[in-house]
Amino acid sequence: MAEIRAAVIGAGFGGLAAAIRLATAGVKVTLFEARDLPGGRAYVYTEQGYTFDAGPTVITAPHCIDELFSEAGKRRADYVEFLPVTPFYRLEWSDGARFDYDGDRDHMVEQIKARAPDDVAGYERFATYAHKVFDAGYTELASTPFLRFSDMLRVAPQLAMLRADRSVYKTVAKYVKDEHVREALSFHSLLVGGNPFETSSIYTLIHHLERNWGVWFPRGGTGALVQAMCKLFGELGGDLRLNAPVRQITLDGARHTIATDKGDETFDIVVSNADLHHTYATLYAGEARAEKRAKKLAKMDWSMSLYVLYFGTDRTYADLPGGLAHHTVVFGPRYKGLLDDIFHGHTLPEDFSLYLHAPHVTDPSLAPPGCGSFYVLSPVPHLGHAPIDWAAEGPAYGDRILTALERLLPDLRKHVTVRRELNPLGFQRELGAFHGSAFSVAPQLTQSAWFRPHNRDPKIPGLYLVGAGTHPGAGVPGVINGAKATYSCIAKDFGLPAAPASTS
């Protein structure tokens, strides 16, 4: 094993998880990161005493993170503390309705009963269904690679029984009738880049996943979890190189030569956590097998993009009636129509739905004393659908969002002291994201499991994939479980120790 050399490209959660597993197995691992900090989409911005997590803010299924550390003989709690978030999400509608979404079954039933008594029994049946989907779609399959069509056939009867062909929204609508309750139970697929009206009902498992394990936030921000994983990787002998973009990879049989600004190095294994299309079209440019794959990827459906506005305020807003929630989802006046525009439209919609993240509610250290640290994101079309001039449109769009948020945060614009934005052009330029997509290949049924790009490339020996674009998909649990699936492929190919079965 000491002779096996592996390169991992991209220090996002998927890349870090794969690098840790390989290093735990005794492989010599070099982790290349193009930017000045690790994290990928979980990058961290700091300004004037404010800390802004750039991307993921919801930690669910913490056991899959704990497993990474325990397999290396460590305890995650010794590296980073997870703080509970309650409610998981506060949901706000334009008609003034409010719903605190959490893992307390009785509290959920109480709120549904107050709004739509006839939907209580339907919600109970939905929760039972989500549990069954969780058992099939997460417990059994999340860290299992789908490398052969026979793997898909093996689970097809179970997926058919659970009606995986139905969309998330259609499935929810089967159980409850009130539109607000339907939206409350179906928006979760947006957190992994999926349209609730198109994404497979398998993603209803998120409801049970959160109810089972809760929603958490790392003390110090999501970046503190990234740093904890980097520390563990270093203790295992891993070599993390920042400001080290990979320029090109050339093949000599099964050997991969990586070119960086500091020279060339050859590896037995390459694990790419870079954008899928970028991996094949740019990193392996000139390799016929890779270019063929890039053309196929370009024809797939890609997830929407995001406009994200990070801002600091000179007040905490803790004195709001009912308090300020850590996570707030603000629904616009349209649901399906807006989602149609986001996923298929060619212009920027006039209205929006928003996700407001206020981490100082859980961890006040992320803002100066008496201040608030926020980000708000709005799902928007990716650049392939809507080639919007974000350099021109971005600031005004941010102003419109701040104005809309004043319904929840009074006089917000007067209290903003710091602001910056990340738009689809930023996803494209800074993260190499195809079309500026925020979540890679869209999580549709026909782009899931075996139909999703595989964890091991079927044509190029020694090339493996991790991250949102491969199985099982986006989200922190998705990419960390995906790294386990990818490692299992490498372990089989190179005679490494098998990953232990999950104990959760």
Protein backbone atom coordinates (compact mmCIF):
# COMPACT_ATOMS: atom_id res chain seq x y z
CA MET A 1 0.00 0.00 0.00
CA ALA A 2 2.89 2.38 0.62
CA GLU A 3 3.59 2.34 -3.12
CA ILE A 4 0.09 3.44 -4.10
CA ARG A 5 -0.12 7.16 -4.78
CA ALA A 6 -3.47 8.90 -4.99
CA ALA A 7 -4.33 12.41 -6.04
CA VAL A 8 -7.59 13.97 -4.91
CA ILE A 9 -8.63 17.07 -6.82
CA GLY A 10 -10.74 19.55 -4.86
CA ALA A 11 -10.91 19.96 -1.07
CA GLY A 12 -14.69 20.11 -0.75
CA PHE A 13 -16.49 17.75 1.59
CA GLY A 14 -16.44 14.93 -0.97
CA GLY A 15 -12.75 15.32 -1.71
CA LEU A 16 -11.81 15.59 1.96
CA ALA A 17 -13.89 12.53 2.88
CA ALA A 18 -12.31 10.47 0.09
CA ALA A 19 -8.82 11.67 1.00
CA ILE A 20 -9.35 10.75 4.67
CA ARG A 21 -10.59 7.27 3.80
CA LEU A 22 -7.63 6.65 1.49
CA ALA A 23 -5.13 7.98 4.04
CA THR A 24 -6.72 5.84 6.75
CA ALA A 25 -6.09 2.83 4.50
CA GLY A 26 -2.40 3.72 4.25
CA VAL A 27 -2.41 5.26 0.77
CA LYS A 28 -0.09 8.21 0.13
CA VAL A 29 -2.56 10.99 -0.70
CA THR A 30 -2.00 14.43 -2.19
CA LEU A 31 -5.02 16.73 -2.09
CA PHE A 32 -4.91 19.55 -4.66
CA GLU A 33 -7.06 22.63 -4.02
CA ALA A 34 -7.14 25.50 -6.50
CA ARG A 35 -8.27 28.14 -4.02
CA ASP A 36 -6.48 29.66 -1.02
CA LEU A 37 -8.73 27.84 1.46
CA PRO A 38 -10.22 24.33 1.54
CA GLY A 39 -13.96 23.70 1.50
CA GLY A 40 -15.05 24.00 -2.13
CA ARG A 41 -18.65 25.16 -1.92
CA ALA A 42 -18.10 25.29 1.85
CA TYR A 43 -15.59 28.12 1.47
CA VAL A 44 -15.50 30.79 4.20
CA TYR A 45 -15.45 34.57 3.80
CA THR A 46 -14.40 36.82 6.66
CA GLU A 47 -14.79 40.59 6.77
CA GLN A 48 -14.85 43.18 9.58
CA GLY A 49 -15.36 40.54 12.26
CA TYR A 50 -18.13 38.70 10.39
CA THR A 51 -17.77 35.05 9.32
CA PHE A 52 -19.81 33.93 6.32
CA ASP A 53 -20.10 30.26 5.34
CA ALA A 54 -20.26 30.39 1.56
CA GLY A 55 -22.37 27.31 0.96
CA PRO A 56 -23.64 24.35 3.02
CA THR A 57 -25.19 25.36 6.33
CA VAL A 58 -27.35 22.35 7.22
CA ILE A 59 -25.63 19.34 8.78
CA THR A 60 -27.83 16.26 8.86
CA ALA A 61 -26.90 12.60 9.33
CA PRO A 62 -23.91 13.52 11.55
CA HIS A 63 -23.13 9.83 12.01
CA CYS A 64 -21.57 9.65 8.54
CA ILE A 65 -19.10 12.37 9.59
CA ASP A 66 -18.49 10.67 12.93
CA GLU A 67 -17.73 7.46 11.02
CA LEU A 68 -14.90 9.13 9.10
CA PHE A 69 -13.18 10.05 12.34
CA SER A 70 -13.87 6.78 14.16
CA GLU A 71 -12.43 4.71 11.31
CA ALA A 72 -9.25 6.75 11.73
CA GLY A 73 -9.26 6.01 15.46
CA LYS A 74 -10.46 9.49 16.43
CA ARG A 75 -13.55 11.16 17.86
CA ARG A 76 -15.20 13.88 15.83
CA ALA A 77 -16.28 15.63 19.03
CA ASP A 78 -12.59 16.19 19.88
CA TYR A 79 -12.19 18.19 16.66
CA VAL A 80 -15.45 20.10 16.23
CA GLU A 81 -18.65 20.48 18.23
CA PHE A 82 -22.08 20.11 16.64
CA LEU A 83 -24.81 22.37 18.01
CA PRO A 84 -28.51 21.45 17.62
CA VAL A 85 -30.71 23.74 15.51
CA THR A 86 -34.37 24.15 16.53
CA PRO A 87 -36.60 24.64 14.67
CA PHE A 88 -34.93 23.00 11.71
CA TYR A 89 -36.53 25.64 9.46
CA ARG A 90 -39.02 28.41 10.00
CA LEU A 91 -41.32 28.66 7.01
CA GLU A 92 -42.88 32.02 6.13
CA TRP A 93 -45.47 32.75 3.43
CA SER A 94 -46.45 36.01 1.79
CA ASP A 95 -49.94 35.78 3.33
CA GLY A 96 -48.40 35.95 6.83
CA ALA A 97 -48.65 32.23 7.61
CA ARG A 98 -45.80 30.71 9.61
CA PHE A 99 -44.77 27.10 10.29
CA ASP A 100 -41.89 25.91 12.48
CA TYR A 101 -40.63 22.71 10.84
CA ASP A 102 -38.80 20.43 13.29
CA GLY A 103 -38.33 16.84 14.36
CA ASP A 104 -40.98 16.90 17.09
CA ARG A 105 -43.82 14.79 15.76
CA ASP A 106 -46.37 16.22 18.21
CA HIS A 107 -45.39 19.80 17.41
CA MET A 108 -45.66 19.15 13.68
CA VAL A 109 -49.09 17.56 14.11
CA GLU A 110 -50.25 20.43 16.33
CA GLN A 111 -49.32 23.01 13.69
CA ILE A 112 -50.88 21.03 10.84
CA LYS A 113 -54.05 20.54 12.88
CA ALA A 114 -54.30 24.27 13.52
CA ARG A 115 -54.08 25.01 9.82
CA ALA A 116 -55.65 21.99 8.11
CA PRO A 117 -57.18 19.44 10.53
CA ASP A 118 -58.07 17.06 7.72
CA ASP A 119 -54.37 16.75 6.79
CA VAL A 120 -53.21 15.36 10.15
CA ALA A 121 -53.93 11.73 9.25
CA GLY A 122 -52.39 12.26 5.82
CA TYR A 123 -49.24 13.69 7.37
CA GLU A 124 -48.91 10.62 9.60
CA ARG A 125 -49.18 8.38 6.54
CA PHE A 126 -46.63 10.52 4.71
CA ALA A 127 -44.19 10.23 7.62
CA THR A 128 -44.57 6.44 7.49
CA TYR A 129 -43.94 6.47 3.74
CA ALA A 130 -40.85 8.69 4.15
CA HIS A 131 -39.52 6.21 6.72
CA LYS A 132 -39.90 3.34 4.23
CA VAL A 133 -38.17 5.37 1.52
CA PHE A 134 -35.39 6.22 3.96
CA ASP A 135 -34.83 2.54 4.75
CA ALA A 136 -34.58 1.72 1.05
CA GLY A 137 -33.02 4.83 -0.42
CA TYR A 138 -30.58 5.84 2.30
CA THR A 139 -29.81 3.03 4.71
CA GLU A 140 -29.32 0.45 1.96
CA LEU A 141 -28.16 2.46 -1.05
CA ALA A 142 -26.54 5.79 -0.15
CA SER A 143 -23.00 4.44 0.17
CA THR A 144 -23.38 1.64 -2.38
CA PRO A 145 -21.91 2.29 -5.84
CA PHE A 146 -24.05 1.51 -8.89
CA LEU A 147 -21.50 0.34 -11.45
CA ARG A 148 -23.57 -2.17 -13.45
CA PHE A 149 -27.09 -2.04 -14.81
CA SER A 150 -27.75 -5.23 -12.86
CA ASP A 151 -27.21 -3.18 -9.69
CA MET A 152 -30.16 -1.05 -10.78
CA LEU A 153 -32.29 -4.07 -11.62
CA ARG A 154 -31.64 -5.46 -8.14
CA VAL A 155 -33.34 -2.49 -6.48
CA ALA A 156 -35.88 -1.74 -9.21
CA PRO A 157 -38.75 -3.73 -7.63
CA GLN A 158 -38.32 -1.88 -4.35
CA LEU A 159 -38.17 1.50 -6.08
CA ALA A 160 -41.24 0.62 -8.13
CA MET A 161 -43.16 -0.39 -5.02
CA LEU A 162 -42.33 2.99 -3.47
CA ARG A 163 -43.39 4.75 -6.68
CA ALA A 164 -40.01 6.37 -7.27
CA ASP A 165 -41.42 7.45 -10.65
CA ARG A 166 -43.60 10.02 -8.89
CA SER A 167 -42.24 13.45 -8.07
CA VAL A 168 -41.73 14.68 -4.53
CA TYR A 169 -44.61 17.14 -4.83
CA LYS A 170 -47.01 14.64 -6.40
CA THR A 171 -46.25 12.18 -3.63
CA VAL A 172 -46.78 14.76 -0.89
CA ALA A 173 -50.00 15.92 -2.58
CA LYS A 174 -51.31 12.36 -2.40
CA TYR A 175 -51.23 12.60 1.40
CA VAL A 176 -52.12 16.24 2.24
CA LYS A 177 -54.38 18.79 0.56
CA ASP A 178 -53.52 22.20 2.05
CA GLU A 179 -51.12 24.00 -0.28
CA HIS A 180 -48.96 25.43 2.50
CA VAL A 181 -48.59 21.99 4.07
CA ARG A 182 -47.71 20.55 0.66
CA GLU A 183 -45.00 23.16 0.22
CA ALA A 184 -43.71 22.57 3.76
CA LEU A 185 -43.26 18.87 3.04
CA SER A 186 -41.87 19.17 -0.50
CA PHE A 187 -39.33 22.01 -0.54
CA HIS A 188 -36.46 19.86 0.75
CA SER A 189 -35.38 18.61 -2.66
CA LEU A 190 -34.37 22.19 -3.45
CA LEU A 191 -31.65 21.82 -0.81
CA VAL A 192 -29.94 19.31 -3.12
CA GLY A 193 -30.70 21.11 -6.37
CA GLY A 194 -33.91 19.30 -7.32
CA ASN A 195 -37.24 20.65 -8.53
CA PRO A 196 -39.95 19.20 -6.22
CA PHE A 197 -42.17 18.74 -9.28
CA GLU A 198 -39.54 16.69 -11.14
CA THR A 199 -37.30 15.10 -8.51
CA SER A 200 -38.01 11.47 -7.62
CA SER A 201 -40.10 10.78 -4.53
CA ILE A 202 -37.04 8.97 -3.18
CA TYR A 203 -35.96 12.38 -1.90
CA THR A 204 -38.86 12.43 0.56
CA LEU A 205 -36.44 10.41 2.68
CA ILE A 206 -34.98 13.76 3.78
CA HIS A 207 -38.03 14.23 5.99
CA HIS A 208 -37.26 11.08 7.96
CA LEU A 209 -33.50 11.66 7.88
CA GLU A 210 -33.93 15.01 9.63
CA ARG A 211 -36.58 13.68 11.99
CA ASN A 212 -34.29 10.77 12.89
CA TRP A 213 -30.99 12.59 13.39
CA GLY A 214 -31.91 16.25 13.67
CA VAL A 215 -30.32 19.33 12.09
CA TRP A 216 -26.97 20.55 13.39
CA PHE A 217 -24.52 23.39 12.97
CA PRO A 218 -20.79 23.25 13.75
CA ARG A 219 -19.57 25.65 16.40
CA GLY A 220 -17.48 28.16 14.49
CA GLY A 221 -19.49 27.62 11.30
CA THR A 222 -19.41 25.01 8.57
CA GLY A 223 -15.83 26.08 7.90
CA ALA A 224 -14.90 24.71 11.33
CA LEU A 225 -15.97 21.25 10.14
CA VAL A 226 -13.83 21.69 7.03
CA GLN A 227 -10.85 22.62 9.20
CA ALA A 228 -11.48 19.62 11.46
CA MET A 229 -11.40 17.30 8.47
CA CYS A 230 -8.24 18.96 7.17
CA LYS A 231 -6.60 18.49 10.56
CA LEU A 232 -7.50 14.81 10.59
CA PHE A 233 -6.20 14.41 7.05
CA GLY A 234 -2.89 15.99 8.06
CA GLU A 235 -2.57 13.75 11.12
CA LEU A 236 -3.01 10.74 8.82
CA GLY A 237 -0.04 11.89 6.76
CA GLY A 238 -2.01 13.53 3.97
CA ASP A 239 -0.53 16.35 1.90
CA LEU A 240 -2.96 19.26 1.38
CA ARG A 241 -1.80 21.78 -1.21
CA LEU A 242 -3.66 25.08 -1.43
CA ASN A 243 -3.37 27.53 -4.33
CA ALA A 244 -2.56 24.48 -6.43
CA PRO A 245 -4.94 24.32 -9.41
CA VAL A 246 -4.58 21.24 -11.59
CA ARG A 247 -3.99 22.42 -15.16
CA GLN A 248 -4.09 19.13 -17.03
CA ILE A 249 -3.99 15.38 -16.55
CA THR A 250 -2.43 13.08 -19.13
CA LEU A 251 -2.65 9.31 -19.29
CA ASP A 252 0.00 6.70 -19.87
CA GLY A 253 -1.88 3.44 -19.59
CA ALA A 254 -3.30 3.48 -16.07
CA ARG A 255 -0.88 6.15 -14.83
CA HIS A 256 -2.11 9.73 -14.45
CA THR A 257 0.34 12.62 -14.73
CA ILE A 258 -0.96 15.79 -13.11
CA ALA A 259 0.39 19.14 -14.26
CA THR A 260 0.33 22.06 -11.84
CA ASP A 261 2.15 25.39 -11.81
CA LYS A 262 4.88 23.73 -9.73
CA GLY A 263 5.52 20.81 -12.08
CA ASP A 264 4.28 17.35 -12.99
CA GLU A 265 3.60 14.35 -10.72
CA THR A 266 2.37 10.86 -11.54
CA PHE A 267 -0.28 8.94 -9.60
CA ASP A 268 -1.93 5.53 -9.64
CA ILE A 269 -5.30 6.91 -8.58
CA VAL A 270 -7.11 10.16 -9.32
CA VAL A 271 -10.24 11.03 -7.35
CA SER A 272 -11.89 14.10 -8.82
CA ASN A 273 -14.04 16.26 -6.61
CA ALA A 274 -13.96 18.92 -9.32
CA ASP A 275 -17.04 19.73 -11.39
CA LEU A 276 -17.90 16.72 -13.55
CA HIS A 277 -17.85 18.50 -16.88
CA HIS A 278 -14.68 20.39 -15.94
CA THR A 279 -13.02 17.09 -15.04
CA TYR A 280 -13.59 15.55 -18.45
CA ALA A 281 -13.59 18.60 -20.74
CA THR A 282 -10.69 20.52 -19.18
CA LEU A 283 -8.55 18.40 -16.88
CA TYR A 284 -8.47 15.44 -19.29
CA ALA A 285 -8.64 17.57 -22.43
CA GLY A 286 -7.11 15.72 -25.38
CA GLU A 287 -8.07 12.31 -24.03
CA ALA A 288 -10.66 10.90 -26.45
CA ARG A 289 -12.52 8.87 -23.82
CA ALA A 290 -12.85 11.95 -21.59
CA GLU A 291 -13.98 14.23 -24.40
CA LYS A 292 -16.70 11.74 -25.35
CA ARG A 293 -17.88 11.69 -21.76
CA ALA A 294 -17.89 15.50 -21.62
CA LYS A 295 -20.19 15.68 -24.64
CA LYS A 296 -22.66 13.30 -22.97
CA LEU A 297 -22.54 15.27 -19.72
CA ALA A 298 -23.29 18.49 -21.56
CA LYS A 299 -26.59 16.98 -22.72
CA MET A 300 -27.76 16.04 -19.22
CA ASP A 301 -30.11 18.18 -17.14
CA TRP A 302 -28.17 20.31 -14.70
CA SER A 303 -29.46 21.75 -11.46
CA MET A 304 -30.43 25.36 -11.02
CA SER A 305 -27.96 27.96 -9.88
CA LEU A 306 -28.10 30.32 -6.90
CA TYR A 307 -27.78 33.98 -6.13
CA VAL A 308 -26.32 34.28 -2.62
CA LEU A 309 -26.06 37.57 -0.74
CA TYR A 310 -23.87 37.60 2.37
CA PHE A 311 -24.46 40.50 4.73
CA GLY A 312 -23.68 41.66 8.23
CA THR A 313 -25.89 43.88 10.34
CA ASP A 314 -25.30 46.16 13.33
CA ARG A 315 -28.12 44.45 15.25
CA THR A 316 -28.92 40.81 15.99
CA TYR A 317 -32.69 40.93 15.41
CA ALA A 318 -33.05 38.70 18.46
CA ASP A 319 -35.88 40.96 19.68
CA LEU A 320 -38.27 40.00 16.87
CA PRO A 321 -41.69 38.64 17.94
CA GLY A 322 -41.15 34.90 18.18
CA GLY A 323 -37.40 35.42 17.85
CA LEU A 324 -35.19 34.92 14.80
CA ALA A 325 -34.71 31.39 13.50
CA HIS A 326 -31.35 30.04 12.36
CA HIS A 327 -32.91 28.86 9.06
CA THR A 328 -35.90 30.60 7.49
CA VAL A 329 -37.53 29.67 4.19
CA VAL A 330 -39.50 32.58 2.72
CA PHE A 331 -41.96 31.36 0.09
CA GLY A 332 -42.92 33.76 -2.67
CA PRO A 333 -46.47 34.18 -3.99
CA ARG A 334 -45.87 31.45 -6.63
CA TYR A 335 -44.60 27.92 -6.10
CA LYS A 336 -44.86 25.75 -9.20
CA GLY A 337 -44.79 28.71 -11.60
CA LEU A 338 -41.64 30.09 -10.01
CA LEU A 339 -39.97 26.67 -10.04
CA ASP A 340 -40.82 26.30 -13.73
CA ASP A 341 -39.11 29.63 -14.38
CA ILE A 342 -36.07 28.70 -12.27
CA PHE A 343 -35.51 25.28 -13.83
CA HIS A 344 -36.63 25.95 -17.40
CA GLY A 345 -36.95 29.71 -17.89
CA HIS A 346 -34.68 31.91 -19.97
CA THR A 347 -34.87 35.11 -17.94
CA LEU A 348 -34.58 36.15 -14.30
CA PRO A 349 -37.99 35.85 -12.60
CA GLU A 350 -39.42 39.01 -11.09
CA ASP A 351 -40.41 37.21 -7.88
CA PHE A 352 -38.38 34.84 -5.71
CA SER A 353 -38.43 32.42 -2.82
CA LEU A 354 -35.61 32.79 -0.32
CA TYR A 355 -33.59 30.82 2.20
CA LEU A 356 -32.28 33.00 5.04
CA HIS A 357 -29.38 31.72 7.12
CA ALA A 358 -28.67 33.49 10.44
CA PRO A 359 -25.88 31.47 12.09
CA HIS A 360 -25.29 33.99 14.89
CA VAL A 361 -28.58 32.74 16.36
CA THR A 362 -26.82 29.47 17.21
CA ASP A 363 -23.23 30.72 17.45
CA PRO A 364 -22.88 34.45 18.29
CA SER A 365 -19.10 34.29 17.67
CA LEU A 366 -19.76 34.48 13.91
CA ALA A 367 -20.56 38.20 14.17
CA PRO A 368 -19.17 41.09 16.24
CA PRO A 369 -20.90 41.65 19.61
CA GLY A 370 -24.44 42.92 19.14
CA CYS A 371 -24.35 42.22 15.41
CA GLY A 372 -25.79 39.65 13.02
CA SER A 373 -24.20 37.46 10.35
CA PHE A 374 -26.50 36.39 7.51
CA TYR A 375 -26.73 35.00 4.08
CA VAL A 376 -29.78 34.81 1.89
CA LEU A 377 -29.99 32.72 -1.24
CA SER A 378 -32.41 32.77 -4.11
CA PRO A 379 -32.61 29.85 -6.58
CA VAL A 380 -32.13 31.19 -10.12
CA PRO A 381 -31.80 29.65 -13.60
CA HIS A 382 -28.37 28.36 -14.57
CA LEU A 383 -26.43 30.11 -17.32
CA GLY A 384 -27.22 27.45 -19.91
CA HIS A 385 -30.90 28.37 -19.69
CA ALA A 386 -30.59 32.05 -18.89
CA PRO A 387 -27.33 33.81 -19.88
CA ILE A 388 -28.03 36.74 -17.57
CA ASP A 389 -25.47 39.55 -17.26
CA TRP A 390 -25.00 39.04 -13.54
CA ALA A 391 -22.29 41.70 -13.28
CA ALA A 392 -24.97 44.22 -14.19
CA GLU A 393 -28.01 42.54 -12.62
CA GLY A 394 -26.50 41.26 -9.37
CA PRO A 395 -26.37 44.39 -7.17
CA ALA A 396 -29.91 45.47 -8.04
CA TYR A 397 -31.20 41.93 -7.48
CA GLY A 398 -29.56 41.95 -4.06
CA ASP A 399 -31.24 45.27 -3.26
CA ARG A 400 -34.63 43.79 -4.18
CA ILE A 401 -34.02 40.83 -1.89
CA LEU A 402 -33.02 43.04 1.05
CA THR A 403 -36.15 45.11 0.51
CA ALA A 404 -38.31 41.97 0.49
CA LEU A 405 -36.68 40.74 3.72
CA GLU A 406 -37.72 43.91 5.55
CA ARG A 407 -41.08 42.24 6.13
CA LEU A 408 -39.19 39.90 8.48
CA LEU A 409 -36.22 42.08 9.44
CA PRO A 410 -37.49 45.66 9.95
CA ASP A 411 -35.42 48.47 8.42
CA LEU A 412 -32.88 45.90 7.24
CA ARG A 413 -31.22 48.10 4.62
CA LYS A 414 -30.42 50.71 7.28
CA HIS A 415 -28.62 48.12 9.40
CA VAL A 416 -26.49 46.37 6.76
CA THR A 417 -22.81 47.16 7.34
CA VAL A 418 -21.14 44.56 5.09
CA ARG A 419 -22.36 42.77 1.95
CA ARG A 420 -20.98 40.62 -0.85
CA GLU A 421 -22.57 38.30 -3.40
CA LEU A 422 -22.02 35.00 -5.20
CA ASN A 423 -23.98 34.61 -8.43
CA PRO A 424 -24.02 31.99 -11.24
CA LEU A 425 -20.96 33.60 -12.85
CA GLY A 426 -19.12 33.07 -9.57
CA PHE A 427 -20.11 29.41 -9.48
CA GLN A 428 -18.79 29.09 -13.03
CA ARG A 429 -15.54 31.02 -12.59
CA GLU A 430 -14.56 30.23 -9.00
CA LEU A 431 -15.83 26.64 -8.80
CA GLY A 432 -15.63 25.58 -12.44
CA ALA A 433 -19.33 24.71 -12.34
CA PHE A 434 -20.81 23.83 -15.73
CA HIS A 435 -23.46 26.45 -16.62
CA GLY A 436 -22.86 27.90 -13.15
CA SER A 437 -24.94 25.06 -11.73
CA ALA A 438 -24.92 25.03 -7.93
CA PHE A 439 -25.60 21.30 -7.44
CA SER A 440 -24.19 19.59 -10.56
CA VAL A 441 -26.36 17.06 -12.43
CA ALA A 442 -30.03 17.44 -11.44
CA PRO A 443 -31.38 14.68 -9.13
CA GLN A 444 -34.05 13.28 -11.42
CA LEU A 445 -34.96 9.59 -11.46
CA THR A 446 -33.38 9.16 -14.91
CA GLN A 447 -30.18 10.73 -13.54
CA SER A 448 -29.97 8.80 -10.28
CA ALA A 449 -28.28 5.60 -9.10
CA TRP A 450 -26.94 3.67 -12.14
CA PHE A 451 -28.12 6.46 -14.46
CA ARG A 452 -25.95 8.99 -12.60
CA PRO A 453 -22.25 9.33 -13.50
CA HIS A 454 -20.56 6.42 -11.74
CA ASN A 455 -18.21 6.62 -8.77
CA ARG A 456 -15.62 4.81 -10.90
CA ASP A 457 -15.16 5.88 -14.49
CA PRO A 458 -16.08 2.94 -16.73
CA LYS A 459 -13.53 3.74 -19.44
CA ILE A 460 -10.52 5.39 -17.80
CA PRO A 461 -8.67 3.09 -15.37
CA GLY A 462 -7.68 4.74 -12.11
CA LEU A 463 -10.18 7.62 -12.37
CA TYR A 464 -12.84 7.91 -9.68
CA LEU A 465 -15.43 10.57 -8.89
CA VAL A 466 -16.79 12.12 -5.71
CA GLY A 467 -19.05 15.08 -5.07
CA ALA A 468 -22.54 16.18 -6.00
CA GLY A 469 -22.42 14.90 -9.59
CA THR A 470 -21.92 11.22 -8.82
CA HIS A 471 -23.96 8.73 -6.77
CA PRO A 472 -25.81 9.39 -4.50
CA GLY A 473 -25.86 13.17 -5.14
CA ALA A 474 -25.63 16.58 -3.51
CA GLY A 475 -25.85 17.62 0.13
CA VAL A 476 -23.31 17.02 2.89
CA PRO A 477 -24.55 13.48 3.71
CA GLY A 478 -24.76 12.76 -0.02
CA VAL A 479 -21.18 13.61 -0.88
CA ILE A 480 -19.73 12.05 2.28
CA ASN A 481 -21.64 8.82 1.69
CA GLY A 482 -20.62 9.10 -1.96
CA ALA A 483 -16.98 9.22 -0.91
CA LYS A 484 -17.53 5.95 0.95
CA ALA A 485 -19.03 4.41 -2.19
CA THR A 486 -16.08 5.67 -4.22
CA TYR A 487 -13.59 4.34 -1.69
CA SER A 488 -15.25 0.91 -1.85
CA CYS A 489 -14.55 0.86 -5.60
CA ILE A 490 -10.90 1.81 -5.05
CA ALA A 491 -10.52 -0.72 -2.25
CA LYS A 492 -11.76 -3.50 -4.51
CA ASP A 493 -9.54 -2.42 -7.42
CA PHE A 494 -6.35 -1.96 -5.39
CA GLY A 495 -6.74 -4.52 -2.60
CA LEU A 496 -7.27 -2.02 0.20
CA PRO A 497 -9.21 -2.72 3.41
CA ALA A 498 -12.96 -2.61 2.82
CA ALA A 499 -14.92 0.23 4.38
CA PRO A 500 -16.79 -1.05 7.44
CA ALA A 501 -20.55 -1.29 7.15
CA SER A 502 -22.35 1.70 8.66
CA THR A 503 -23.45 1.16 12.24
CA SER A 504 -26.19 3.82 12.19
